[in-house]
Amino acid sequence: MTFVYLILAIVAEVIATSALKASAGFTRPLPSLLVVGGYGVAFYLLSLVLRTLPVGITYAIWAGLGIVLVTLVGIMVFGEKPDLPAVLGISLIVAGVVTLQVFSKMNVH
């Protein structure tokens, strides 16, 4: 169940971050509510994940997947176009997360 909570936390964070752009500086009510609610759900679920997984591994997965998903939302919803350095940087982040998951010996409680 831990990884389900982590995935749901990431999705909630991506929704909140995407809504943050759409909130136009908290001047639009619905996106602003999504920001506050999304981050609230995300951090609550993250607190459940941290009962089981080490904080370093958890944050690496959270940040890595969050960056990739927010970038995809930016492309699909906001028409943003990452350049080659952005794509390379994101690829390195993903490679780091995969390396942690596959090769790390950090203990899971």
N, C-alpha and C. Protein backbone atom coordinates (compact mmCIF):
# COMPACT_ATOMS: atom_id res chain seq x y z
N MET A 1 0.82 -1.20 0.00
CA MET A 1 0.00 0.00 0.00
C MET A 1 0.87 1.27 0.00
N THR A 2 2.08 1.16 0.49
CA THR A 2 2.98 2.31 0.58
C THR A 2 3.19 2.97 -0.78
N PHE A 3 3.45 2.15 -1.80
CA PHE A 3 3.71 2.73 -3.12
C PHE A 3 2.44 3.29 -3.75
N VAL A 4 1.29 2.76 -3.40
CA VAL A 4 0.02 3.34 -3.85
C VAL A 4 -0.12 4.74 -3.26
N TYR A 5 0.16 4.88 -1.96
CA TYR A 5 0.12 6.19 -1.31
C TYR A 5 1.11 7.15 -1.97
N LEU A 6 2.29 6.65 -2.29
CA LEU A 6 3.30 7.51 -2.90
C LEU A 6 2.85 7.98 -4.28
N ILE A 7 2.32 7.09 -5.08
CA ILE A 7 1.84 7.47 -6.40
C ILE A 7 0.70 8.49 -6.28
N LEU A 8 -0.24 8.24 -5.37
CA LEU A 8 -1.35 9.18 -5.17
C LEU A 8 -0.84 10.54 -4.67
N ALA A 9 0.18 10.53 -3.81
CA ALA A 9 0.77 11.78 -3.33
C ALA A 9 1.40 12.55 -4.48
N ILE A 10 2.07 11.85 -5.36
CA ILE A 10 2.71 12.49 -6.51
C ILE A 10 1.64 13.08 -7.43
N VAL A 11 0.59 12.32 -7.69
CA VAL A 11 -0.49 12.82 -8.55
C VAL A 11 -1.13 14.07 -7.93
N ALA A 12 -1.38 14.04 -6.63
CA ALA A 12 -1.97 15.20 -5.96
C ALA A 12 -1.05 16.41 -6.05
N GLU A 13 0.24 16.18 -5.90
CA GLU A 13 1.21 17.28 -5.99
C GLU A 13 1.28 17.84 -7.40
N VAL A 14 1.21 16.98 -8.40
CA VAL A 14 1.24 17.43 -9.79
C VAL A 14 -0.01 18.25 -10.11
N ILE A 15 -1.16 17.80 -9.63
CA ILE A 15 -2.39 18.57 -9.81
C ILE A 15 -2.27 19.94 -9.14
N ALA A 16 -1.76 19.94 -7.91
CA ALA A 16 -1.61 21.20 -7.18
C ALA A 16 -0.64 22.15 -7.87
N THR A 17 0.48 21.63 -8.32
CA THR A 17 1.47 22.47 -8.98
C THR A 17 0.94 23.01 -10.30
N SER A 18 0.24 22.18 -11.04
CA SER A 18 -0.34 22.63 -12.30
C SER A 18 -1.42 23.68 -12.06
N ALA A 19 -2.21 23.48 -11.02
CA ALA A 19 -3.25 24.45 -10.67
C ALA A 19 -2.63 25.76 -10.18
N LEU A 20 -1.43 25.69 -9.61
CA LEU A 20 -0.76 26.90 -9.14
C LEU A 20 -0.53 27.87 -10.30
N LYS A 21 -0.11 27.34 -11.42
CA LYS A 21 0.06 28.20 -12.61
C LYS A 21 -1.30 28.75 -13.05
N ALA A 22 -2.30 27.88 -13.05
CA ALA A 22 -3.64 28.29 -13.50
C ALA A 22 -4.33 29.24 -12.51
N SER A 23 -3.86 29.29 -11.27
CA SER A 23 -4.50 30.15 -10.27
C SER A 23 -4.23 31.63 -10.50
N ALA A 24 -3.26 31.93 -11.36
CA ALA A 24 -2.89 33.32 -11.67
C ALA A 24 -2.64 34.12 -10.39
N GLY A 25 -1.74 33.62 -9.58
CA GLY A 25 -1.39 34.33 -8.34
C GLY A 25 -2.51 34.29 -7.32
N PHE A 26 -3.24 33.19 -7.27
CA PHE A 26 -4.36 32.98 -6.35
C PHE A 26 -5.50 33.98 -6.59
N THR A 27 -5.66 34.43 -7.84
CA THR A 27 -6.77 35.33 -8.16
C THR A 27 -7.95 34.57 -8.75
N ARG A 28 -7.76 33.29 -9.09
CA ARG A 28 -8.85 32.47 -9.63
C ARG A 28 -9.21 31.42 -8.59
N PRO A 29 -10.48 31.42 -8.11
CA PRO A 29 -10.88 30.58 -6.97
C PRO A 29 -10.72 29.07 -7.16
N LEU A 30 -11.20 28.51 -8.26
CA LEU A 30 -11.15 27.05 -8.42
C LEU A 30 -9.71 26.52 -8.47
N PRO A 31 -8.86 27.08 -9.33
CA PRO A 31 -7.48 26.60 -9.30
C PRO A 31 -6.80 26.82 -7.95
N SER A 32 -7.15 27.91 -7.27
CA SER A 32 -6.56 28.18 -5.95
C SER A 32 -6.97 27.11 -4.94
N LEU A 33 -8.23 26.69 -5.00
CA LEU A 33 -8.68 25.59 -4.12
C LEU A 33 -7.97 24.28 -4.45
N LEU A 34 -7.75 24.03 -5.74
CA LEU A 34 -7.01 22.82 -6.13
C LEU A 34 -5.58 22.85 -5.60
N VAL A 35 -4.97 24.02 -5.58
CA VAL A 35 -3.61 24.15 -5.05
C VAL A 35 -3.59 23.75 -3.57
N VAL A 36 -4.43 24.37 -2.79
CA VAL A 36 -4.43 24.13 -1.34
C VAL A 36 -4.84 22.69 -1.04
N GLY A 37 -5.90 22.23 -1.66
CA GLY A 37 -6.37 20.86 -1.43
C GLY A 37 -5.37 19.82 -1.91
N GLY A 38 -4.82 20.05 -3.10
CA GLY A 38 -3.85 19.10 -3.67
C GLY A 38 -2.61 18.95 -2.82
N TYR A 39 -2.06 20.08 -2.38
CA TYR A 39 -0.88 20.00 -1.53
C TYR A 39 -1.20 19.38 -0.17
N GLY A 40 -2.39 19.69 0.36
CA GLY A 40 -2.79 19.07 1.63
C GLY A 40 -2.86 17.55 1.52
N VAL A 41 -3.51 17.06 0.48
CA VAL A 41 -3.61 15.62 0.24
C VAL A 41 -2.23 15.03 0.00
N ALA A 42 -1.44 15.71 -0.81
CA ALA A 42 -0.11 15.20 -1.15
C ALA A 42 0.76 15.03 0.10
N PHE A 43 0.79 16.04 0.96
CA PHE A 43 1.65 15.95 2.14
C PHE A 43 1.11 14.97 3.17
N TYR A 44 -0.19 14.85 3.27
CA TYR A 44 -0.76 13.83 4.16
C TYR A 44 -0.35 12.43 3.70
N LEU A 45 -0.53 12.16 2.41
CA LEU A 45 -0.15 10.84 1.88
C LEU A 45 1.36 10.61 2.00
N LEU A 46 2.14 11.66 1.77
CA LEU A 46 3.58 11.53 1.91
C LEU A 46 3.96 11.18 3.35
N SER A 47 3.24 11.73 4.32
CA SER A 47 3.52 11.40 5.72
C SER A 47 3.25 9.92 6.00
N LEU A 48 2.26 9.35 5.32
CA LEU A 48 1.99 7.91 5.48
C LEU A 48 3.11 7.07 4.85
N VAL A 49 3.59 7.52 3.72
CA VAL A 49 4.68 6.81 3.03
C VAL A 49 5.93 6.78 3.91
N LEU A 50 6.20 7.90 4.59
CA LEU A 50 7.42 8.00 5.39
C LEU A 50 7.41 7.12 6.63
N ARG A 51 6.28 6.52 6.93
CA ARG A 51 6.25 5.52 8.02
C ARG A 51 7.02 4.27 7.62
N THR A 52 7.14 4.03 6.32
CA THR A 52 7.73 2.79 5.82
C THR A 52 9.03 3.00 5.05
N LEU A 53 9.04 3.98 4.17
CA LEU A 53 10.21 4.18 3.30
C LEU A 53 11.14 5.26 3.85
N PRO A 54 12.43 5.13 3.58
CA PRO A 54 13.38 6.17 4.00
C PRO A 54 13.07 7.50 3.29
N VAL A 55 13.32 8.59 3.97
CA VAL A 55 12.99 9.90 3.44
C VAL A 55 13.77 10.21 2.16
N GLY A 56 15.01 9.79 2.07
CA GLY A 56 15.81 10.06 0.87
C GLY A 56 15.25 9.39 -0.37
N ILE A 57 14.92 8.12 -0.24
CA ILE A 57 14.34 7.37 -1.37
C ILE A 57 12.97 7.94 -1.72
N THR A 58 12.18 8.20 -0.70
CA THR A 58 10.83 8.73 -0.93
C THR A 58 10.89 10.06 -1.67
N TYR A 59 11.76 10.94 -1.22
CA TYR A 59 11.83 12.26 -1.83
C TYR A 59 12.39 12.17 -3.25
N ALA A 60 13.33 11.27 -3.48
CA ALA A 60 13.89 11.11 -4.82
C ALA A 60 12.80 10.68 -5.80
N ILE A 61 11.99 9.72 -5.40
CA ILE A 61 10.91 9.24 -6.27
C ILE A 61 9.89 10.36 -6.46
N TRP A 62 9.50 11.00 -5.36
CA TRP A 62 8.51 12.09 -5.38
C TRP A 62 8.97 13.20 -6.33
N ALA A 63 10.20 13.66 -6.15
CA ALA A 63 10.70 14.77 -6.94
C ALA A 63 10.90 14.38 -8.40
N GLY A 64 11.49 13.22 -8.62
CA GLY A 64 11.78 12.78 -9.98
C GLY A 64 10.52 12.60 -10.81
N LEU A 65 9.58 11.85 -10.29
CA LEU A 65 8.33 11.64 -11.03
C LEU A 65 7.52 12.92 -11.12
N GLY A 66 7.55 13.71 -10.06
CA GLY A 66 6.83 14.98 -10.08
C GLY A 66 7.35 15.90 -11.17
N ILE A 67 8.65 15.99 -11.31
CA ILE A 67 9.25 16.84 -12.34
C ILE A 67 8.83 16.38 -13.74
N VAL A 68 8.92 15.09 -13.96
CA VAL A 68 8.54 14.56 -15.27
C VAL A 68 7.07 14.82 -15.56
N LEU A 69 6.20 14.53 -14.60
CA LEU A 69 4.76 14.70 -14.82
C LEU A 69 4.37 16.16 -14.97
N VAL A 70 4.95 17.04 -14.16
CA VAL A 70 4.64 18.47 -14.28
C VAL A 70 5.13 18.98 -15.64
N THR A 71 6.26 18.50 -16.10
CA THR A 71 6.76 18.89 -17.42
C THR A 71 5.78 18.45 -18.51
N LEU A 72 5.27 17.21 -18.39
CA LEU A 72 4.29 16.73 -19.37
C LEU A 72 3.01 17.55 -19.34
N VAL A 73 2.55 17.91 -18.14
CA VAL A 73 1.36 18.77 -18.03
C VAL A 73 1.66 20.12 -18.68
N GLY A 74 2.84 20.66 -18.42
CA GLY A 74 3.21 21.94 -19.03
C GLY A 74 3.18 21.88 -20.55
N ILE A 75 3.64 20.77 -21.10
CA ILE A 75 3.63 20.59 -22.56
C ILE A 75 2.20 20.47 -23.07
N MET A 76 1.42 19.59 -22.45
CA MET A 76 0.09 19.27 -22.96
C MET A 76 -0.96 20.34 -22.64
N VAL A 77 -0.89 20.93 -21.47
CA VAL A 77 -1.94 21.87 -21.04
C VAL A 77 -1.56 23.32 -21.32
N PHE A 78 -0.31 23.67 -21.05
CA PHE A 78 0.10 25.07 -21.15
C PHE A 78 0.91 25.38 -22.42
N GLY A 79 1.12 24.37 -23.27
CA GLY A 79 1.83 24.60 -24.52
C GLY A 79 3.31 24.93 -24.36
N GLU A 80 3.90 24.53 -23.23
CA GLU A 80 5.32 24.79 -23.00
C GLU A 80 6.15 23.81 -23.82
N LYS A 81 7.32 24.25 -24.25
CA LYS A 81 8.19 23.42 -25.08
C LYS A 81 9.58 23.36 -24.46
N PRO A 82 9.90 22.27 -23.76
CA PRO A 82 11.24 22.17 -23.17
C PRO A 82 12.30 22.07 -24.27
N ASP A 83 13.42 22.75 -24.04
CA ASP A 83 14.52 22.67 -25.00
C ASP A 83 15.41 21.47 -24.66
N LEU A 84 16.44 21.25 -25.46
CA LEU A 84 17.31 20.09 -25.28
C LEU A 84 17.95 20.04 -23.89
N PRO A 85 18.49 21.15 -23.36
CA PRO A 85 19.06 21.07 -22.00
C PRO A 85 18.02 20.67 -20.96
N ALA A 86 16.78 21.13 -21.10
CA ALA A 86 15.73 20.74 -20.15
C ALA A 86 15.46 19.25 -20.25
N VAL A 87 15.36 18.73 -21.45
CA VAL A 87 15.11 17.29 -21.64
C VAL A 87 16.27 16.48 -21.08
N LEU A 88 17.49 16.92 -21.33
CA LEU A 88 18.66 16.21 -20.80
C LEU A 88 18.67 16.23 -19.28
N GLY A 89 18.39 17.39 -18.70
CA GLY A 89 18.37 17.51 -17.24
C GLY A 89 17.31 16.61 -16.62
N ILE A 90 16.12 16.61 -17.20
CA ILE A 90 15.05 15.75 -16.69
C ILE A 90 15.44 14.28 -16.84
N SER A 91 16.09 13.94 -17.93
CA SER A 91 16.54 12.56 -18.14
C SER A 91 17.55 12.14 -17.07
N LEU A 92 18.43 13.06 -16.70
CA LEU A 92 19.41 12.77 -15.64
C LEU A 92 18.71 12.56 -14.30
N ILE A 93 17.67 13.34 -14.03
CA ILE A 93 16.91 13.17 -12.79
C ILE A 93 16.26 11.79 -12.77
N VAL A 94 15.64 11.41 -13.87
CA VAL A 94 15.01 10.09 -13.97
C VAL A 94 16.06 8.99 -13.79
N ALA A 95 17.21 9.16 -14.41
CA ALA A 95 18.29 8.17 -14.26
C ALA A 95 18.72 8.06 -12.80
N GLY A 96 18.75 9.17 -12.09
CA GLY A 96 19.10 9.16 -10.67
C GLY A 96 18.08 8.40 -9.84
N VAL A 97 16.80 8.62 -10.12
CA VAL A 97 15.74 7.92 -9.39
C VAL A 97 15.83 6.42 -9.66
N VAL A 98 16.03 6.05 -10.91
CA VAL A 98 16.15 4.63 -11.26
C VAL A 98 17.36 4.02 -10.57
N THR A 99 18.47 4.75 -10.55
CA THR A 99 19.67 4.25 -9.88
C THR A 99 19.41 4.01 -8.40
N LEU A 100 18.74 4.95 -7.75
CA LEU A 100 18.41 4.76 -6.33
C LEU A 100 17.54 3.52 -6.12
N GLN A 101 16.53 3.38 -6.96
CA GLN A 101 15.60 2.26 -6.80
C GLN A 101 16.27 0.92 -7.06
N VAL A 102 17.13 0.85 -8.06
CA VAL A 102 17.71 -0.42 -8.46
C VAL A 102 18.94 -0.79 -7.63
N PHE A 103 19.77 0.19 -7.32
CA PHE A 103 21.07 -0.13 -6.72
C PHE A 103 21.24 0.27 -5.27
N SER A 104 20.37 1.09 -4.72
CA SER A 104 20.55 1.56 -3.36
C SER A 104 20.33 0.43 -2.35
N LYS A 105 21.12 0.46 -1.31
CA LYS A 105 21.00 -0.52 -0.22
C LYS A 105 20.35 0.10 1.02
N MET A 106 19.72 1.27 0.85
CA MET A 106 19.06 1.91 2.00
C MET A 106 17.97 0.97 2.52
N ASN A 107 17.91 0.86 3.82
CA ASN A 107 16.94 -0.05 4.44
C ASN A 107 15.53 0.51 4.40
N VAL A 108 14.59 -0.37 4.08
CA VAL A 108 13.17 -0.05 4.19
C VAL A 108 12.71 -0.59 5.51
N HIS A 109 12.06 0.24 6.32
CA HIS A 109 11.64 -0.18 7.66
C HIS A 109 10.54 -1.21 7.57
